[in-house]
Amino acid sequence: MNQDLQQRLRCPATHQQLSALTPSQIATVNDAIAKGALQNDIGADVTEAVEGGLLREDGALFFPIRDGLISLVIDMAIPAAFIEG
């Protein structure tokens, strides 16, 4: 992702800065999705794998990237407490 664009993107709810998930974090997310163990911020099951994501500065949520598109809809954000470095 373009570094300038990433610097400009913010969480739509809190305006905190966002940073790209690492490959190991993406693998952790997709493993949890495959196991049916993930829900988004409004409690709906997450069933589609992600190709990336943008983690909010506080580490509470991340915004999924699928088909090259970032979903900055707060309801579609995924709690990130289970993701480790």
N, C-alpha and C. Protein backbone atom coordinates (compact mmCIF):
# COMPACT_ATOMS: atom_id res chain seq x y z
N MET A 1 0.84 -1.17 0.00
CA MET A 1 0.00 0.00 0.00
C MET A 1 0.88 1.24 0.00
N ASN A 2 0.45 2.22 -0.71
CA ASN A 2 1.14 3.49 -0.79
C ASN A 2 1.29 4.09 0.60
N GLN A 3 2.52 4.40 1.00
CA GLN A 3 2.80 4.92 2.34
C GLN A 3 2.07 6.23 2.61
N ASP A 4 1.99 7.11 1.62
CA ASP A 4 1.30 8.38 1.79
C ASP A 4 -0.18 8.15 2.06
N LEU A 5 -0.79 7.24 1.31
CA LEU A 5 -2.20 6.93 1.52
C LEU A 5 -2.41 6.35 2.91
N GLN A 6 -1.57 5.43 3.31
CA GLN A 6 -1.70 4.81 4.63
C GLN A 6 -1.61 5.86 5.73
N GLN A 7 -0.75 6.86 5.58
CA GLN A 7 -0.62 7.93 6.57
C GLN A 7 -1.89 8.77 6.68
N ARG A 8 -2.64 8.85 5.59
CA ARG A 8 -3.84 9.68 5.56
C ARG A 8 -5.08 8.95 6.06
N LEU A 9 -5.09 7.63 5.95
CA LEU A 9 -6.27 6.86 6.36
C LEU A 9 -6.40 6.86 7.88
N ARG A 10 -7.62 7.00 8.34
CA ARG A 10 -7.92 7.02 9.78
C ARG A 10 -9.16 6.19 10.05
N CYS A 11 -9.29 5.74 11.28
CA CYS A 11 -10.50 5.04 11.69
C CYS A 11 -11.67 6.03 11.56
N PRO A 12 -12.77 5.61 10.93
CA PRO A 12 -13.89 6.53 10.76
C PRO A 12 -14.58 6.89 12.07
N ALA A 13 -14.43 6.08 13.11
CA ALA A 13 -15.10 6.34 14.38
C ALA A 13 -14.23 7.15 15.34
N THR A 14 -12.94 6.80 15.45
CA THR A 14 -12.07 7.43 16.45
C THR A 14 -11.02 8.35 15.86
N HIS A 15 -10.83 8.25 14.56
CA HIS A 15 -9.82 9.03 13.83
C HIS A 15 -8.39 8.64 14.19
N GLN A 16 -8.22 7.47 14.80
CA GLN A 16 -6.88 6.97 15.10
C GLN A 16 -6.20 6.53 13.80
N GLN A 17 -4.90 6.57 13.82
CA GLN A 17 -4.10 6.13 12.67
C GLN A 17 -4.23 4.63 12.50
N LEU A 18 -4.07 4.17 11.27
CA LEU A 18 -4.16 2.76 10.92
C LEU A 18 -2.82 2.27 10.38
N SER A 19 -2.50 1.01 10.65
CA SER A 19 -1.27 0.43 10.11
C SER A 19 -1.59 -0.94 9.54
N ALA A 20 -0.82 -1.34 8.55
CA ALA A 20 -1.06 -2.60 7.85
C ALA A 20 -0.76 -3.79 8.75
N LEU A 21 -1.62 -4.81 8.65
CA LEU A 21 -1.36 -6.07 9.34
C LEU A 21 -0.12 -6.72 8.73
N THR A 22 0.61 -7.44 9.54
CA THR A 22 1.78 -8.18 9.05
C THR A 22 1.30 -9.48 8.41
N PRO A 23 2.15 -10.13 7.61
CA PRO A 23 1.75 -11.43 7.03
C PRO A 23 1.36 -12.45 8.10
N SER A 24 2.05 -12.49 9.23
CA SER A 24 1.69 -13.45 10.27
C SER A 24 0.34 -13.11 10.90
N GLN A 25 0.03 -11.83 11.03
CA GLN A 25 -1.27 -11.43 11.55
C GLN A 25 -2.38 -11.80 10.57
N ILE A 26 -2.13 -11.62 9.29
CA ILE A 26 -3.11 -11.99 8.26
C ILE A 26 -3.37 -13.50 8.32
N ALA A 27 -2.32 -14.28 8.48
CA ALA A 27 -2.47 -15.74 8.57
C ALA A 27 -3.30 -16.10 9.80
N THR A 28 -3.07 -15.44 10.92
CA THR A 28 -3.83 -15.69 12.14
C THR A 28 -5.31 -15.37 11.92
N VAL A 29 -5.59 -14.25 11.29
CA VAL A 29 -6.96 -13.85 10.99
C VAL A 29 -7.63 -14.89 10.09
N ASN A 30 -6.97 -15.27 9.01
CA ASN A 30 -7.58 -16.21 8.07
C ASN A 30 -7.77 -17.59 8.69
N ASP A 31 -6.90 -17.98 9.60
CA ASP A 31 -7.07 -19.24 10.31
C ASP A 31 -8.33 -19.17 11.18
N ALA A 32 -8.52 -18.06 11.88
CA ALA A 32 -9.71 -17.89 12.72
C ALA A 32 -10.98 -17.86 11.87
N ILE A 33 -10.92 -17.24 10.70
CA ILE A 33 -12.08 -17.21 9.80
C ILE A 33 -12.40 -18.63 9.33
N ALA A 34 -11.38 -19.39 8.95
CA ALA A 34 -11.59 -20.75 8.48
C ALA A 34 -12.22 -21.63 9.56
N LYS A 35 -11.90 -21.35 10.82
CA LYS A 35 -12.45 -22.13 11.94
C LYS A 35 -13.83 -21.63 12.36
N GLY A 36 -14.31 -20.57 11.73
CA GLY A 36 -15.61 -20.01 12.09
C GLY A 36 -15.60 -19.30 13.43
N ALA A 37 -14.45 -18.77 13.80
CA ALA A 37 -14.28 -18.19 15.13
C ALA A 37 -14.24 -16.67 15.16
N LEU A 38 -14.63 -16.01 14.06
CA LEU A 38 -14.54 -14.55 14.03
C LEU A 38 -15.89 -13.91 13.75
N GLN A 39 -16.14 -12.82 14.45
CA GLN A 39 -17.31 -12.01 14.20
C GLN A 39 -16.86 -10.56 14.04
N ASN A 40 -17.62 -9.80 13.26
CA ASN A 40 -17.27 -8.40 13.08
C ASN A 40 -17.79 -7.58 14.26
N ASP A 41 -17.66 -6.28 14.18
CA ASP A 41 -17.99 -5.39 15.29
C ASP A 41 -19.46 -5.42 15.68
N ILE A 42 -20.34 -5.83 14.78
CA ILE A 42 -21.77 -5.91 15.10
C ILE A 42 -22.22 -7.35 15.38
N GLY A 43 -21.27 -8.27 15.46
CA GLY A 43 -21.59 -9.64 15.84
C GLY A 43 -21.92 -10.60 14.72
N ALA A 44 -21.79 -10.17 13.47
CA ALA A 44 -22.04 -11.06 12.34
C ALA A 44 -20.80 -11.92 12.08
N ASP A 45 -21.03 -13.18 11.72
CA ASP A 45 -19.91 -14.08 11.42
C ASP A 45 -19.12 -13.57 10.22
N VAL A 46 -17.81 -13.65 10.33
CA VAL A 46 -16.92 -13.31 9.22
C VAL A 46 -16.60 -14.62 8.51
N THR A 47 -16.95 -14.73 7.23
CA THR A 47 -16.79 -15.99 6.50
C THR A 47 -15.83 -15.91 5.34
N GLU A 48 -15.48 -14.69 4.93
CA GLU A 48 -14.58 -14.52 3.79
C GLU A 48 -13.17 -14.18 4.27
N ALA A 49 -12.18 -14.89 3.73
CA ALA A 49 -10.78 -14.62 4.06
C ALA A 49 -10.42 -13.19 3.66
N VAL A 50 -9.39 -12.67 4.30
CA VAL A 50 -8.90 -11.33 3.98
C VAL A 50 -7.54 -11.44 3.30
N GLU A 51 -7.21 -10.45 2.49
CA GLU A 51 -5.87 -10.43 1.89
C GLU A 51 -4.97 -9.47 2.65
N GLY A 52 -5.58 -8.71 3.54
CA GLY A 52 -4.84 -7.77 4.37
C GLY A 52 -5.79 -7.09 5.32
N GLY A 53 -5.28 -6.11 6.03
CA GLY A 53 -6.11 -5.37 6.94
C GLY A 53 -5.35 -4.19 7.50
N LEU A 54 -6.10 -3.23 8.01
CA LEU A 54 -5.52 -2.04 8.63
C LEU A 54 -5.93 -2.03 10.10
N LEU A 55 -4.94 -2.11 10.95
CA LEU A 55 -5.14 -2.20 12.39
C LEU A 55 -5.20 -0.80 12.99
N ARG A 56 -6.22 -0.57 13.81
CA ARG A 56 -6.35 0.72 14.47
C ARG A 56 -5.24 0.88 15.51
N GLU A 57 -4.82 2.09 15.73
CA GLU A 57 -3.69 2.40 16.61
C GLU A 57 -3.82 1.78 18.01
N ASP A 58 -5.03 1.72 18.55
CA ASP A 58 -5.22 1.14 19.88
C ASP A 58 -5.24 -0.39 19.87
N GLY A 59 -5.19 -0.99 18.67
CA GLY A 59 -5.16 -2.45 18.56
C GLY A 59 -6.49 -3.12 18.79
N ALA A 60 -7.55 -2.36 18.94
CA ALA A 60 -8.86 -2.94 19.24
C ALA A 60 -9.57 -3.52 18.03
N LEU A 61 -9.43 -2.89 16.88
CA LEU A 61 -10.14 -3.31 15.66
C LEU A 61 -9.21 -3.25 14.46
N PHE A 62 -9.56 -4.06 13.45
CA PHE A 62 -8.90 -3.86 12.16
C PHE A 62 -9.95 -3.86 11.06
N PHE A 63 -9.62 -3.17 10.00
CA PHE A 63 -10.49 -3.04 8.85
C PHE A 63 -9.98 -3.96 7.75
N PRO A 64 -10.82 -4.89 7.29
CA PRO A 64 -10.35 -5.89 6.32
C PRO A 64 -10.12 -5.33 4.93
N ILE A 65 -9.18 -5.96 4.24
CA ILE A 65 -8.92 -5.67 2.82
C ILE A 65 -9.25 -6.94 2.05
N ARG A 66 -10.15 -6.82 1.08
CA ARG A 66 -10.53 -7.93 0.22
C ARG A 66 -10.60 -7.43 -1.21
N ASP A 67 -10.09 -8.22 -2.12
CA ASP A 67 -10.09 -7.85 -3.54
C ASP A 67 -9.48 -6.47 -3.76
N GLY A 68 -8.48 -6.13 -2.94
CA GLY A 68 -7.79 -4.86 -3.08
C GLY A 68 -8.53 -3.66 -2.54
N LEU A 69 -9.69 -3.89 -1.92
CA LEU A 69 -10.50 -2.79 -1.40
C LEU A 69 -10.51 -2.79 0.11
N ILE A 70 -10.29 -1.64 0.71
CA ILE A 70 -10.31 -1.48 2.16
C ILE A 70 -11.74 -1.15 2.57
N SER A 71 -12.27 -1.91 3.51
CA SER A 71 -13.59 -1.62 4.04
C SER A 71 -13.43 -0.78 5.31
N LEU A 72 -13.70 0.52 5.20
CA LEU A 72 -13.59 1.41 6.35
C LEU A 72 -14.96 1.65 6.99
N VAL A 73 -15.84 0.68 6.87
CA VAL A 73 -17.15 0.74 7.52
C VAL A 73 -16.98 0.19 8.93
N ILE A 74 -17.28 0.99 9.94
CA ILE A 74 -17.00 0.60 11.32
C ILE A 74 -17.73 -0.69 11.71
N ASP A 75 -18.93 -0.91 11.20
CA ASP A 75 -19.66 -2.15 11.52
C ASP A 75 -18.97 -3.39 10.96
N MET A 76 -18.19 -3.25 9.91
CA MET A 76 -17.50 -4.37 9.30
C MET A 76 -16.10 -4.59 9.87
N ALA A 77 -15.67 -3.68 10.74
CA ALA A 77 -14.37 -3.84 11.40
C ALA A 77 -14.41 -5.09 12.26
N ILE A 78 -13.25 -5.69 12.46
CA ILE A 78 -13.16 -6.95 13.18
C ILE A 78 -12.34 -6.74 14.46
N PRO A 79 -12.89 -7.14 15.61
CA PRO A 79 -12.11 -7.03 16.85
C PRO A 79 -10.77 -7.77 16.70
N ALA A 80 -9.72 -7.15 17.20
CA ALA A 80 -8.37 -7.67 16.96
C ALA A 80 -7.65 -8.13 18.20
N ALA A 81 -8.35 -8.31 19.30
CA ALA A 81 -7.71 -8.68 20.55
C ALA A 81 -6.92 -10.00 20.46
N PHE A 82 -7.33 -10.89 19.57
CA PHE A 82 -6.69 -12.20 19.44
C PHE A 82 -5.42 -12.17 18.60
N ILE A 83 -5.17 -11.05 17.92
CA ILE A 83 -4.00 -10.95 17.04
C ILE A 83 -2.77 -10.56 17.86
N GLU A 84 -1.70 -11.29 17.66
CA GLU A 84 -0.44 -10.93 18.30
C GLU A 84 0.57 -10.53 17.23
N GLY A 85 1.46 -9.59 17.61
CA GLY A 85 2.52 -9.09 16.77
C GLY A 85 2.84 -9.93 15.62
